[in-house]
Amino acid sequence: MQDDALTTPLLQAVLGLWIAAGFADWICHRRTGIERTSGTAESLCHWLLLAQMGVAVLLCVAFRPGALLLAVLLLLWLSHQATTYLELRWVAPVRSITPAEQMMHSFLEVLPVAGMLLLAVPQAEAWQRGDAPAWALHARAPGDIAWKDPVWTGLALCCVAFNGLPYLEETWRCLRWRRRPTPRA
């Protein structure tokens, strides 16, 4: 992401914590048995939430930090917040949302803000010097990101293993529950 000696490890830590919070949230969903309550609709909503923030991460990979990128990231985060609010408003009456799950939601909401603030540091420094905000997207050159850095590779694999696969299992579990034979009266 950022080629700064301090910012890069902080961004990696934020992303790692975010992946861990997403996995812990999945554990909470599993424990409350969403397949029997809110079901497939909530699981599909989780995919929408993953997609919203996944797009944000991909944009950070593809483009250098600038005012326009930060504005787009903010809009994606706000859409994620709106989706979360609507989901919780619908889900809360039909399934228990434990304090642990509420805490995981807090992490899932605040960690992207921490990431955006870290990406904004170079922009803030440039604005303090009097440089105009970069209201354009500037693509990264293939060498801009240290893909050989095993931490980024590890984080990508962790995202698949601890977010993608668990939520795929959740959707499968919900679909399987929905298709189960219903007892006859």
Protein backbone atom coordinates (compact mmCIF):
# COMPACT_ATOMS: atom_id res chain seq x y z
CA MET A 1 0.00 0.00 0.00
CA GLN A 2 2.00 3.01 1.26
CA ASP A 3 5.77 2.80 0.74
CA ASP A 4 6.55 4.45 4.07
CA ALA A 5 8.64 2.63 6.68
CA LEU A 6 6.15 3.38 9.47
CA THR A 7 2.86 3.51 7.58
CA THR A 8 3.23 0.15 5.82
CA PRO A 9 3.50 -1.97 8.98
CA LEU A 10 0.64 0.01 10.55
CA LEU A 11 -1.55 -0.59 7.48
CA GLN A 12 -0.61 -4.26 7.58
CA ALA A 13 -1.57 -4.41 11.27
CA VAL A 14 -4.90 -2.67 10.58
CA LEU A 15 -5.70 -5.09 7.76
CA GLY A 16 -4.68 -8.07 9.89
CA LEU A 17 -6.90 -6.94 12.76
CA TRP A 18 -9.73 -6.32 10.31
CA ILE A 19 -9.43 -9.86 8.93
CA ALA A 20 -9.41 -11.23 12.48
CA ALA A 21 -12.51 -9.20 13.42
CA GLY A 22 -14.33 -10.49 10.33
CA PHE A 23 -13.50 -14.07 11.31
CA ALA A 24 -14.63 -13.47 14.90
CA ASP A 25 -17.88 -11.98 13.56
CA TRP A 26 -18.43 -15.15 11.49
CA ILE A 27 -17.92 -17.23 14.65
CA CYS A 28 -20.62 -15.14 16.35
CA HIS A 29 -22.98 -15.72 13.40
CA ARG A 30 -22.31 -19.43 13.58
CA ARG A 31 -22.96 -19.56 17.32
CA THR A 32 -26.30 -17.78 16.97
CA GLY A 33 -27.35 -20.07 14.11
CA ILE A 34 -28.29 -17.48 11.50
CA GLU A 35 -29.38 -20.28 9.18
CA ARG A 36 -32.38 -20.85 11.48
CA THR A 37 -33.27 -17.17 11.93
CA SER A 38 -32.32 -14.47 9.42
CA GLY A 39 -30.91 -17.05 7.01
CA THR A 40 -29.69 -16.62 3.48
CA ALA A 41 -30.73 -12.97 3.23
CA GLU A 42 -28.39 -11.98 6.07
CA SER A 43 -25.60 -14.14 4.66
CA LEU A 44 -25.94 -12.44 1.27
CA CYS A 45 -25.86 -9.09 3.05
CA HIS A 46 -22.50 -10.14 4.54
CA TRP A 47 -21.23 -10.71 1.01
CA LEU A 48 -22.35 -7.19 0.09
CA LEU A 49 -20.47 -5.82 3.09
CA LEU A 50 -17.37 -7.80 2.13
CA ALA A 51 -17.64 -6.53 -1.45
CA GLN A 52 -17.98 -2.89 -0.39
CA MET A 53 -14.81 -2.97 1.65
CA GLY A 54 -13.06 -5.38 -0.73
CA VAL A 55 -13.43 -2.77 -3.47
CA ALA A 56 -11.86 -0.24 -1.09
CA VAL A 57 -8.85 -2.49 -0.50
CA LEU A 58 -8.45 -3.17 -4.24
CA LEU A 59 -8.57 0.57 -4.95
CA CYS A 60 -5.78 1.07 -2.41
CA VAL A 61 -3.75 -1.58 -4.21
CA ALA A 62 -4.38 -0.11 -7.67
CA PHE A 63 -4.03 3.63 -6.93
CA ARG A 64 -1.68 5.86 -4.95
CA PRO A 65 -3.22 7.75 -2.03
CA GLY A 66 -4.70 11.07 -3.06
CA ALA A 67 -7.67 13.27 -2.24
CA LEU A 68 -9.95 11.57 -4.79
CA LEU A 69 -9.03 8.08 -3.60
CA LEU A 70 -9.65 9.11 0.02
CA ALA A 71 -13.04 10.58 -0.96
CA VAL A 72 -14.01 7.35 -2.75
CA LEU A 73 -12.84 5.30 0.24
CA LEU A 74 -14.95 7.48 2.52
CA LEU A 75 -18.01 6.93 0.30
CA LEU A 76 -17.44 3.18 0.31
CA TRP A 77 -17.10 3.21 4.10
CA LEU A 78 -20.30 5.26 4.43
CA SER A 79 -22.14 2.80 2.16
CA HIS A 80 -20.79 -0.02 4.33
CA GLN A 81 -22.08 1.78 7.42
CA ALA A 82 -25.51 2.28 5.84
CA THR A 83 -25.68 -1.39 4.82
CA THR A 84 -24.65 -2.45 8.32
CA TYR A 85 -27.29 -0.23 9.88
CA LEU A 86 -30.05 -1.57 7.63
CA GLU A 87 -28.92 -5.16 8.19
CA LEU A 88 -28.84 -4.79 11.98
CA ARG A 89 -32.19 -3.04 12.01
CA TRP A 90 -33.70 -5.97 10.15
CA VAL A 91 -31.75 -8.75 11.93
CA ALA A 92 -31.97 -7.61 15.58
CA PRO A 93 -35.65 -8.56 15.99
CA VAL A 94 -35.12 -12.09 14.56
CA ARG A 95 -31.79 -13.18 16.05
CA SER A 96 -29.69 -12.53 19.12
CA ILE A 97 -26.80 -10.14 18.52
CA THR A 98 -24.48 -10.87 21.42
CA PRO A 99 -22.20 -8.30 23.07
CA ALA A 100 -19.21 -10.09 21.51
CA GLU A 101 -20.73 -9.68 18.04
CA GLN A 102 -21.46 -6.02 18.75
CA MET A 103 -17.80 -5.56 19.71
CA MET A 104 -16.68 -7.23 16.47
CA HIS A 105 -18.93 -4.84 14.55
CA SER A 106 -17.20 -1.95 16.34
CA PHE A 107 -13.81 -3.18 15.12
CA LEU A 108 -15.14 -3.77 11.61
CA GLU A 109 -16.41 -0.19 11.56
CA VAL A 110 -13.43 1.65 13.06
CA LEU A 111 -10.48 -0.22 11.51
CA PRO A 112 -11.22 1.06 7.97
CA VAL A 113 -11.24 4.60 9.41
CA ALA A 114 -7.81 3.92 10.92
CA GLY A 115 -6.61 2.75 7.50
CA MET A 116 -7.98 5.85 5.78
CA LEU A 117 -6.31 8.09 8.35
CA LEU A 118 -2.98 6.34 7.75
CA LEU A 119 -3.40 6.81 3.99
CA ALA A 120 -4.25 10.47 4.57
CA VAL A 121 -1.01 11.25 6.42
CA PRO A 122 1.05 11.99 3.28
CA GLN A 123 -1.83 14.03 1.88
CA ALA A 124 -2.08 16.09 5.06
CA GLU A 125 1.67 16.72 4.98
CA ALA A 126 1.42 17.84 1.33
CA TRP A 127 -1.49 20.16 2.12
CA GLN A 128 0.50 21.67 4.99
CA ARG A 129 3.30 22.43 2.52
CA GLY A 130 0.74 24.22 0.38
CA ASP A 131 0.44 21.57 -2.35
CA ALA A 132 -2.99 21.36 -3.95
CA PRO A 133 -5.01 18.18 -3.28
CA ALA A 134 -4.62 15.51 -5.95
CA TRP A 135 -8.21 15.17 -7.19
CA ALA A 136 -7.23 12.48 -9.66
CA LEU A 137 -6.62 8.78 -9.42
CA HIS A 138 -2.98 7.93 -10.03
CA ALA A 139 -2.42 4.29 -10.88
CA ARG A 140 0.40 2.53 -9.13
CA ALA A 141 3.24 1.16 -11.20
CA PRO A 142 3.62 -2.62 -10.84
CA GLY A 143 6.75 -2.04 -8.75
CA ASP A 144 5.05 0.41 -6.34
CA ILE A 145 3.84 -2.36 -4.08
CA ALA A 146 6.31 -4.76 -2.57
CA TRP A 147 4.44 -7.90 -3.70
CA LYS A 148 7.51 -9.86 -2.69
CA ASP A 149 6.86 -8.75 0.90
CA PRO A 150 5.52 -11.94 2.50
CA VAL A 151 3.31 -9.94 4.87
CA TRP A 152 1.06 -8.71 2.02
CA THR A 153 0.89 -12.21 0.55
CA GLY A 154 0.10 -13.64 3.97
CA LEU A 155 -2.64 -11.07 4.54
CA ALA A 156 -4.23 -11.87 1.17
CA LEU A 157 -4.19 -15.59 1.97
CA CYS A 158 -5.58 -14.92 5.46
CA CYS A 159 -8.39 -12.87 3.93
CA VAL A 160 -9.38 -15.80 1.74
CA ALA A 161 -8.94 -18.38 4.51
CA PHE A 162 -10.51 -16.44 7.38
CA ASN A 163 -13.11 -14.31 5.60
CA GLY A 164 -13.93 -15.70 2.16
CA LEU A 165 -14.14 -19.39 3.04
CA PRO A 166 -16.02 -18.95 6.35
CA TYR A 167 -18.63 -16.70 4.73
CA LEU A 168 -18.94 -19.16 1.87
CA GLU A 169 -19.58 -21.86 4.49
CA GLU A 170 -22.16 -19.58 6.12
CA THR A 171 -24.03 -19.12 2.84
CA TRP A 172 -23.89 -22.86 2.15
CA ARG A 173 -25.19 -23.59 5.67
CA CYS A 174 -28.07 -21.13 5.18
CA LEU A 175 -28.99 -22.57 1.79
CA ARG A 176 -28.83 -26.12 3.14
CA TRP A 177 -31.11 -25.21 6.06
CA ARG A 178 -33.57 -23.55 3.71
CA ARG A 179 -33.74 -26.64 1.49
CA ARG A 180 -34.15 -29.14 4.33
CA PRO A 181 -37.32 -31.20 4.24
CA THR A 182 -40.02 -29.72 6.41
CA PRO A 183 -41.89 -32.09 8.73
CA ARG A 184 -45.46 -32.84 7.70
CA ALA A 185 -48.25 -31.97 10.11
